[in-house]
Amino acid sequence: MELIKPLEIKIKDIDGIEQTFIISRLNAMLGREVIAKYPLSSMPKIGDYENNKDTMLKLISHTQKVLPDGTKITLNSEALINNHITDGETLMKLEYEMLKYNIGFLANGSIQKLAQKIKEALPDIATRILSQSLQSSFQKR
């Protein structure tokens, strides 16, 4: 796979060691999928971890780790991610950089605002669904 608009970045791992990665733009369809899935799947108590993990794997598969000798390894599997990213914090930093590079509004604080609005709306949505369900149930009797 060829990277779209590759950009070299440096990320410090949990031990403070600088790691070099190449991030890239996502194609239109994958970009849309990430926009649609990432915010909700990552919300605590609402999200779906497996869905979020699958989306993260697709996102990170468009990055490369640059080894000290200059070799570039495309991180397109869990095994490669685990072999070339030293810790979860570094992985999350890489995810953030990819989101920022591809979908600015997901990384600039708007995601928190969206999550808060969804969280605030959930009780009303749940009440409406339950009310409709109860009305439907009583009408059937």
Protein backbone atom coordinates (compact mmCIF):
# COMPACT_ATOMS: atom_id res chain seq x y z
CA MET A 1 0.00 0.00 0.00
CA GLU A 2 1.28 3.43 -0.91
CA LEU A 3 0.90 6.15 1.69
CA ILE A 4 -1.01 9.29 0.72
CA LYS A 5 0.80 12.55 1.57
CA PRO A 6 3.24 10.87 3.99
CA LEU A 7 4.47 12.99 6.90
CA GLU A 8 7.34 12.07 9.21
CA ILE A 9 6.67 12.70 12.90
CA LYS A 10 8.50 12.07 16.17
CA ILE A 11 6.76 10.68 19.25
CA LYS A 12 8.35 10.12 22.65
CA ASP A 13 7.47 6.75 24.12
CA ILE A 14 6.62 6.19 27.78
CA ASP A 15 10.35 6.08 28.62
CA GLY A 16 11.04 9.38 26.86
CA ILE A 17 12.76 7.74 23.89
CA GLU A 18 11.97 9.47 20.61
CA GLN A 19 10.41 7.21 17.99
CA THR A 20 10.02 8.13 14.32
CA PHE A 21 6.86 7.32 12.40
CA ILE A 22 5.40 8.17 9.03
CA ILE A 23 1.71 9.04 9.09
CA SER A 24 -0.46 9.48 6.03
CA ARG A 25 -3.78 10.68 4.81
CA LEU A 26 -6.62 8.20 4.60
CA ASN A 27 -8.50 7.59 1.40
CA ALA A 28 -11.99 9.07 1.23
CA MET A 29 -13.96 5.95 2.19
CA LEU A 30 -11.75 4.99 5.12
CA GLY A 31 -11.74 8.61 6.28
CA ARG A 32 -15.52 8.56 6.30
CA GLU A 33 -15.57 5.27 8.21
CA VAL A 34 -13.22 6.65 10.86
CA ILE A 35 -15.32 9.81 11.21
CA ALA A 36 -18.47 7.72 11.59
CA LYS A 37 -17.11 5.09 14.00
CA TYR A 38 -14.33 6.60 16.09
CA PRO A 39 -16.15 9.09 18.31
CA LEU A 40 -18.95 6.83 19.54
CA SER A 41 -16.97 3.60 19.74
CA SER A 42 -14.42 5.21 22.06
CA MET A 43 -16.89 6.67 24.57
CA PRO A 44 -16.87 4.98 27.99
CA LYS A 45 -19.99 2.93 28.82
CA ILE A 46 -21.47 3.68 25.39
CA GLY A 47 -18.77 2.58 23.01
CA ASP A 48 -17.89 -0.80 21.66
CA TYR A 49 -14.23 -1.64 22.33
CA GLU A 50 -13.98 -4.24 19.55
CA ASN A 51 -15.42 -1.80 17.02
CA ASN A 52 -13.00 0.87 18.25
CA LYS A 53 -10.09 -1.57 18.06
CA ASP A 54 -10.98 -2.56 14.48
CA THR A 55 -11.17 1.10 13.49
CA MET A 56 -7.84 1.81 15.21
CA LEU A 57 -6.20 -1.07 13.33
CA LYS A 58 -7.44 0.36 10.02
CA LEU A 59 -6.18 3.81 11.01
CA ILE A 60 -2.73 2.62 12.15
CA SER A 61 -2.34 0.42 9.06
CA HIS A 62 -1.70 3.69 7.21
CA THR A 63 1.39 4.44 9.30
CA GLN A 64 4.97 3.23 9.24
CA LYS A 65 7.60 2.89 11.93
CA VAL A 66 11.01 4.14 10.84
CA LEU A 67 13.76 1.94 12.28
CA PRO A 68 17.18 3.37 13.23
CA ASP A 69 18.66 2.05 9.95
CA GLY A 70 15.96 3.88 7.95
CA THR A 71 13.88 0.80 7.18
CA LYS A 72 10.15 1.56 7.14
CA ILE A 73 7.73 -1.02 8.53
CA THR A 74 4.04 -0.61 7.70
CA LEU A 75 2.07 -1.25 10.90
CA ASN A 76 -0.70 -3.28 9.29
CA SER A 77 -1.24 -6.01 11.90
CA GLU A 78 -1.52 -6.38 15.66
CA ALA A 79 1.76 -8.32 15.69
CA LEU A 80 3.63 -5.54 13.87
CA ILE A 81 2.09 -2.90 16.13
CA ASN A 82 3.12 -4.84 19.24
CA ASN A 83 6.62 -5.46 17.86
CA HIS A 84 7.31 -1.86 16.87
CA ILE A 85 5.37 0.27 19.34
CA THR A 86 6.68 -0.06 22.86
CA ASP A 87 3.59 0.84 24.92
CA GLY A 88 -0.08 1.78 24.85
CA GLU A 89 0.59 5.46 25.47
CA THR A 90 2.76 5.68 22.36
CA LEU A 91 0.07 3.90 20.35
CA MET A 92 -2.54 6.39 21.54
CA LYS A 93 -0.25 9.30 20.65
CA LEU A 94 0.15 7.84 17.16
CA GLU A 95 -3.64 7.45 16.86
CA TYR A 96 -4.06 11.07 17.93
CA GLU A 97 -1.54 12.27 15.34
CA MET A 98 -3.36 10.32 12.63
CA LEU A 99 -6.71 11.77 13.67
CA LYS A 100 -5.25 15.27 13.78
CA TYR A 101 -3.65 14.86 10.34
CA ASN A 102 -6.77 13.39 8.75
CA ILE A 103 -9.77 14.68 10.65
CA GLY A 104 -8.90 17.88 12.47
CA PHE A 105 -12.24 18.35 14.17
CA LEU A 106 -11.91 14.96 15.90
CA ALA A 107 -8.60 15.93 17.45
CA ASN A 108 -9.02 19.61 18.28
CA GLY A 109 -11.44 19.32 21.18
CA SER A 110 -14.63 19.08 19.16
CA ILE A 111 -14.81 15.36 19.89
CA GLN A 112 -15.16 16.11 23.61
CA LYS A 113 -17.96 18.58 22.85
CA LEU A 114 -19.71 16.01 20.65
CA ALA A 115 -19.33 13.32 23.32
CA GLN A 116 -20.75 15.65 25.98
CA LYS A 117 -23.76 16.51 23.80
CA ILE A 118 -24.43 12.83 23.15
CA LYS A 119 -24.07 12.04 26.86
CA GLU A 120 -26.51 14.83 27.75
CA ALA A 121 -29.02 13.65 25.14
CA LEU A 122 -28.99 9.98 26.15
CA PRO A 123 -31.52 10.19 29.02
CA ASP A 124 -34.05 11.95 26.75
CA ILE A 125 -33.47 9.46 23.95
CA ALA A 126 -33.83 6.51 26.32
CA THR A 127 -37.03 7.98 27.80
CA ARG A 128 -38.54 8.49 24.33
CA ILE A 129 -37.66 4.96 23.25
CA LEU A 130 -39.12 3.46 26.43
CA SER A 131 -42.28 5.57 26.14
CA GLN A 132 -42.81 4.55 22.52
CA SER A 133 -42.18 0.93 23.41
CA LEU A 134 -44.67 1.04 26.28
CA GLN A 135 -47.32 2.76 24.14
CA SER A 136 -46.84 0.18 21.42
CA SER A 137 -47.08 -2.61 23.98
CA PHE A 138 -50.35 -1.25 25.44
CA GLN A 139 -51.87 -0.71 21.99
CA LYS A 140 -51.33 -4.38 21.13
CA ARG A 141 -53.45 -5.47 24.10
